[in-house]
Amino acid sequence: MKALLKNYHQSPRKVRLVADLIRGKSVADARRALAFLPKKSSPAIGKLLDSAVANARDRGVQPGGLYVKKITVDKGAVMRRARPFARGRAGSVRKTMSIVVLELGTKQVSGARDQVSGMNASQKSVSEPRT
């Protein structure tokens, strides 16, 4: 239930603004948020979300219980270009691309998770980290 977008022509700093907005949301809420967000990367991340949902459907998972478990934006390839500066010199322009990895997860009931570990909420120790 993963989807990958490689060599997206926008800097990772700008794409992370959109990625941070949908992280942890359900698929329906993420689609709704992306539809009204006035950012250049919103349509591309929306298509990536649709691709991840299609991958989940191929594996037999119902799309109703899915949420954005993890989304990461990393630096991709860099195109180096030159632009003219004063006195006949040339300056470098770096056009950075992004790599976006989106992973969906299924929502599970918190009580079912405690039953798997064999402890209920009152038996858990205080030092056990929460996930």
C-alpha atoms as a PDB file:
ATOM      1  CA  MET A   1       0.000   0.000   0.000  1.00  0.00           C
ATOM      2  CA  LYS A   2       2.784   2.323  -1.026  1.00  0.00           C
ATOM      3  CA  ALA A   3       3.148   4.748  -3.878  1.00  0.00           C
ATOM      4  CA  LEU A   4       6.249   6.549  -5.119  1.00  0.00           C
ATOM      5  CA  LEU A   5       6.641   9.809  -7.037  1.00  0.00           C
ATOM      6  CA  LYS A   6      10.150  10.304  -8.400  1.00  0.00           C
ATOM      7  CA  ASN A   7      11.716  13.399  -9.946  1.00  0.00           C
ATOM      8  CA  TYR A   8       8.860  15.780  -9.213  1.00  0.00           C
ATOM      9  CA  HIS A   9       9.952  19.218 -10.447  1.00  0.00           C
ATOM     10  CA  GLN A  10       9.574  21.235  -7.281  1.00  0.00           C
ATOM     11  CA  SER A  11      11.843  21.726  -4.315  1.00  0.00           C
ATOM     12  CA  PRO A  12      11.335  19.402  -1.332  1.00  0.00           C
ATOM     13  CA  ARG A  13      10.863  22.345   1.024  1.00  0.00           C
ATOM     14  CA  LYS A  14       7.729  23.442  -0.834  1.00  0.00           C
ATOM     15  CA  VAL A  15       6.346  19.911  -1.249  1.00  0.00           C
ATOM     16  CA  ARG A  16       6.782  19.192   2.483  1.00  0.00           C
ATOM     17  CA  LEU A  17       4.252  21.932   3.284  1.00  0.00           C
ATOM     18  CA  VAL A  18       1.572  19.899   1.515  1.00  0.00           C
ATOM     19  CA  ALA A  19       2.830  16.552   2.840  1.00  0.00           C
ATOM     20  CA  ASP A  20       2.698  17.776   6.441  1.00  0.00           C
ATOM     21  CA  LEU A  21      -0.912  18.823   5.938  1.00  0.00           C
ATOM     22  CA  ILE A  22      -2.200  15.340   5.017  1.00  0.00           C
ATOM     23  CA  ARG A  23       0.002  13.188   7.276  1.00  0.00           C
ATOM     24  CA  GLY A  24      -2.140  11.102   9.643  1.00  0.00           C
ATOM     25  CA  LYS A  25      -5.460  11.978   7.997  1.00  0.00           C
ATOM     26  CA  SER A  26      -7.937   9.546   6.518  1.00  0.00           C
ATOM     27  CA  VAL A  27      -7.947   9.207   2.749  1.00  0.00           C
ATOM     28  CA  ALA A  28     -11.248  11.079   2.415  1.00  0.00           C
ATOM     29  CA  ASP A  29     -10.030  13.967   4.600  1.00  0.00           C
ATOM     30  CA  ALA A  30      -6.718  14.123   2.726  1.00  0.00           C
ATOM     31  CA  ARG A  31      -8.483  14.280  -0.656  1.00  0.00           C
ATOM     32  CA  ARG A  32     -10.748  17.025   0.622  1.00  0.00           C
ATOM     33  CA  ALA A  33      -7.806  19.026   1.950  1.00  0.00           C
ATOM     34  CA  LEU A  34      -5.818  18.666  -1.277  1.00  0.00           C
ATOM     35  CA  ALA A  35      -8.774  19.720  -3.420  1.00  0.00           C
ATOM     36  CA  PHE A  36      -8.922  23.165  -1.796  1.00  0.00           C
ATOM     37  CA  LEU A  37      -5.220  23.796  -1.148  1.00  0.00           C
ATOM     38  CA  PRO A  38      -3.747  26.465  -3.458  1.00  0.00           C
ATOM     39  CA  LYS A  39      -0.304  24.891  -3.858  1.00  0.00           C
ATOM     40  CA  LYS A  40       1.409  23.654  -7.024  1.00  0.00           C
ATOM     41  CA  SER A  41       2.134  20.204  -5.588  1.00  0.00           C
ATOM     42  CA  SER A  42      -1.457  19.526  -4.443  1.00  0.00           C
ATOM     43  CA  PRO A  43      -2.628  17.857  -7.685  1.00  0.00           C
ATOM     44  CA  ALA A  44       0.513  15.703  -7.898  1.00  0.00           C
ATOM     45  CA  ILE A  45       0.189  14.481  -4.311  1.00  0.00           C
ATOM     46  CA  GLY A  46      -3.531  13.891  -4.943  1.00  0.00           C
ATOM     47  CA  LYS A  47      -2.671  11.619  -7.867  1.00  0.00           C
ATOM     48  CA  LEU A  48      -0.098   9.858  -5.700  1.00  0.00           C
ATOM     49  CA  LEU A  49      -2.756   9.304  -3.030  1.00  0.00           C
ATOM     50  CA  ASP A  50      -5.122   7.863  -5.645  1.00  0.00           C
ATOM     51  CA  SER A  51      -2.343   5.536  -6.825  1.00  0.00           C
ATOM     52  CA  ALA A  52      -1.726   4.297  -3.277  1.00  0.00           C
ATOM     53  CA  VAL A  53      -5.472   3.657  -2.821  1.00  0.00           C
ATOM     54  CA  ALA A  54      -5.520   1.705  -6.102  1.00  0.00           C
ATOM     55  CA  ASN A  55      -2.547  -0.363  -4.894  1.00  0.00           C
ATOM     56  CA  ALA A  56      -4.420  -1.111  -1.662  1.00  0.00           C
ATOM     57  CA  ARG A  57      -7.531  -2.108  -3.613  1.00  0.00           C
ATOM     58  CA  ASP A  58      -5.415  -4.531  -5.665  1.00  0.00           C
ATOM     59  CA  ARG A  59      -4.312  -6.174  -2.430  1.00  0.00           C
ATOM     60  CA  GLY A  60      -7.930  -6.592  -1.345  1.00  0.00           C
ATOM     61  CA  VAL A  61      -8.078  -3.831   1.290  1.00  0.00           C
ATOM     62  CA  GLN A  62     -11.239  -1.719   1.522  1.00  0.00           C
ATOM     63  CA  PRO A  63     -10.366   1.960   0.923  1.00  0.00           C
ATOM     64  CA  GLY A  64     -12.825   3.175   3.579  1.00  0.00           C
ATOM     65  CA  GLY A  65     -10.557   2.370   6.526  1.00  0.00           C
ATOM     66  CA  LEU A  66      -7.301   3.722   5.088  1.00  0.00           C
ATOM     67  CA  TYR A  67      -5.292   6.656   6.367  1.00  0.00           C
ATOM     68  CA  VAL A  68      -1.981   8.303   5.436  1.00  0.00           C
ATOM     69  CA  LYS A  69       0.410   6.381   7.668  1.00  0.00           C
ATOM     70  CA  LYS A  70       3.642   7.866   6.392  1.00  0.00           C
ATOM     71  CA  ILE A  71       4.596  10.430   3.775  1.00  0.00           C
ATOM     72  CA  THR A  72       8.179  11.505   3.212  1.00  0.00           C
ATOM     73  CA  VAL A  73       9.639  14.070   0.842  1.00  0.00           C
ATOM     74  CA  ASP A  74      13.321  13.690  -0.007  1.00  0.00           C
ATOM     75  CA  LYS A  75      15.700  15.530  -2.271  1.00  0.00           C
ATOM     76  CA  GLY A  76      15.947  14.121  -5.780  1.00  0.00           C
ATOM     77  CA  ALA A  77      18.128  14.957  -8.760  1.00  0.00           C
ATOM     78  CA  VAL A  78      19.447  18.468  -9.279  1.00  0.00           C
ATOM     79  CA  MET A  79      19.450  20.105 -12.700  1.00  0.00           C
ATOM     80  CA  ARG A  80      22.221  22.657 -12.985  1.00  0.00           C
ATOM     81  CA  ARG A  81      21.577  25.632 -15.225  1.00  0.00           C
ATOM     82  CA  ALA A  82      23.390  28.915 -15.826  1.00  0.00           C
ATOM     83  CA  ARG A  83      22.056  32.413 -16.013  1.00  0.00           C
ATOM     84  CA  PRO A  84      23.905  35.517 -17.127  1.00  0.00           C
ATOM     85  CA  PHE A  85      25.141  37.963 -14.529  1.00  0.00           C
ATOM     86  CA  ALA A  86      26.796  41.357 -14.786  1.00  0.00           C
ATOM     87  CA  ARG A  87      30.098  41.911 -16.569  1.00  0.00           C
ATOM     88  CA  GLY A  88      29.817  38.818 -18.734  1.00  0.00           C
ATOM     89  CA  ARG A  89      29.850  36.348 -15.879  1.00  0.00           C
ATOM     90  CA  ALA A  90      27.537  33.407 -15.399  1.00  0.00           C
ATOM     91  CA  GLY A  91      25.807  32.320 -12.206  1.00  0.00           C
ATOM     92  CA  SER A  92      24.561  28.870 -11.407  1.00  0.00           C
ATOM     93  CA  VAL A  93      20.910  28.005 -10.905  1.00  0.00           C
ATOM     94  CA  ARG A  94      20.079  24.721  -9.186  1.00  0.00           C
ATOM     95  CA  LYS A  95      16.679  23.226  -9.931  1.00  0.00           C
ATOM     96  CA  THR A  96      16.035  20.644  -7.239  1.00  0.00           C
ATOM     97  CA  MET A  97      13.564  17.823  -7.693  1.00  0.00           C
ATOM     98  CA  SER A  98      11.679  15.845  -5.061  1.00  0.00           C
ATOM     99  CA  ILE A  99      11.022  12.177  -4.319  1.00  0.00           C
ATOM    100  CA  VAL A 100       7.738  11.581  -2.480  1.00  0.00           C
ATOM    101  CA  VAL A 101       6.967   8.245  -0.802  1.00  0.00           C
ATOM    102  CA  LEU A 102       3.421   7.745   0.499  1.00  0.00           C
ATOM    103  CA  GLU A 103       2.366   4.772   2.621  1.00  0.00           C
ATOM    104  CA  LEU A 104      -1.196   3.999   3.671  1.00  0.00           C
ATOM    105  CA  GLY A 105      -2.231   2.088   6.764  1.00  0.00           C
ATOM    106  CA  THR A 106      -5.467   0.573   7.992  1.00  0.00           C
ATOM    107  CA  LYS A 107      -7.157   1.853  11.100  1.00  0.00           C
ATOM    108  CA  GLN A 108      -7.308  -0.750  13.836  1.00  0.00           C
ATOM    109  CA  VAL A 109      -9.264  -0.749  17.069  1.00  0.00           C
ATOM    110  CA  SER A 110      -7.064   0.055  20.062  1.00  0.00           C
ATOM    111  CA  GLY A 111      -8.655  -2.706  22.180  1.00  0.00           C
ATOM    112  CA  ALA A 112      -7.725  -5.369  19.618  1.00  0.00           C
ATOM    113  CA  ARG A 113      -4.092  -4.331  19.805  1.00  0.00           C
ATOM    114  CA  ASP A 114      -4.027  -4.773  23.585  1.00  0.00           C
ATOM    115  CA  GLN A 115      -5.518  -8.250  23.268  1.00  0.00           C
ATOM    116  CA  VAL A 116      -2.754  -9.295  20.916  1.00  0.00           C
ATOM    117  CA  SER A 117      -0.069  -8.330  23.414  1.00  0.00           C
ATOM    118  CA  GLY A 118      -1.914 -10.162  26.223  1.00  0.00           C
ATOM    119  CA  MET A 119      -2.297  -7.115  28.471  1.00  0.00           C
ATOM    120  CA  ASN A 120      -5.154  -4.734  29.042  1.00  0.00           C
ATOM    121  CA  ALA A 121      -4.767  -1.008  29.668  1.00  0.00           C
ATOM    122  CA  SER A 122      -4.557  -1.354  33.472  1.00  0.00           C
ATOM    123  CA  GLN A 123      -1.711  -3.898  33.310  1.00  0.00           C
ATOM    124  CA  LYS A 124       0.536  -1.856  31.030  1.00  0.00           C
ATOM    125  CA  SER A 125       3.608  -0.370  32.641  1.00  0.00           C
ATOM    126  CA  VAL A 126       4.159   3.366  32.648  1.00  0.00           C
ATOM    127  CA  SER A 127       7.567   3.079  30.980  1.00  0.00           C
ATOM    128  CA  GLU A 128       6.193   1.383  27.842  1.00  0.00           C
ATOM    129  CA  PRO A 129       6.377   3.807  24.912  1.00  0.00           C
ATOM    130  CA  ARG A 130       3.181   4.748  23.103  1.00  0.00           C
ATOM    131  CA  THR A 131       2.907   4.207  19.371  1.00  0.00           C
END
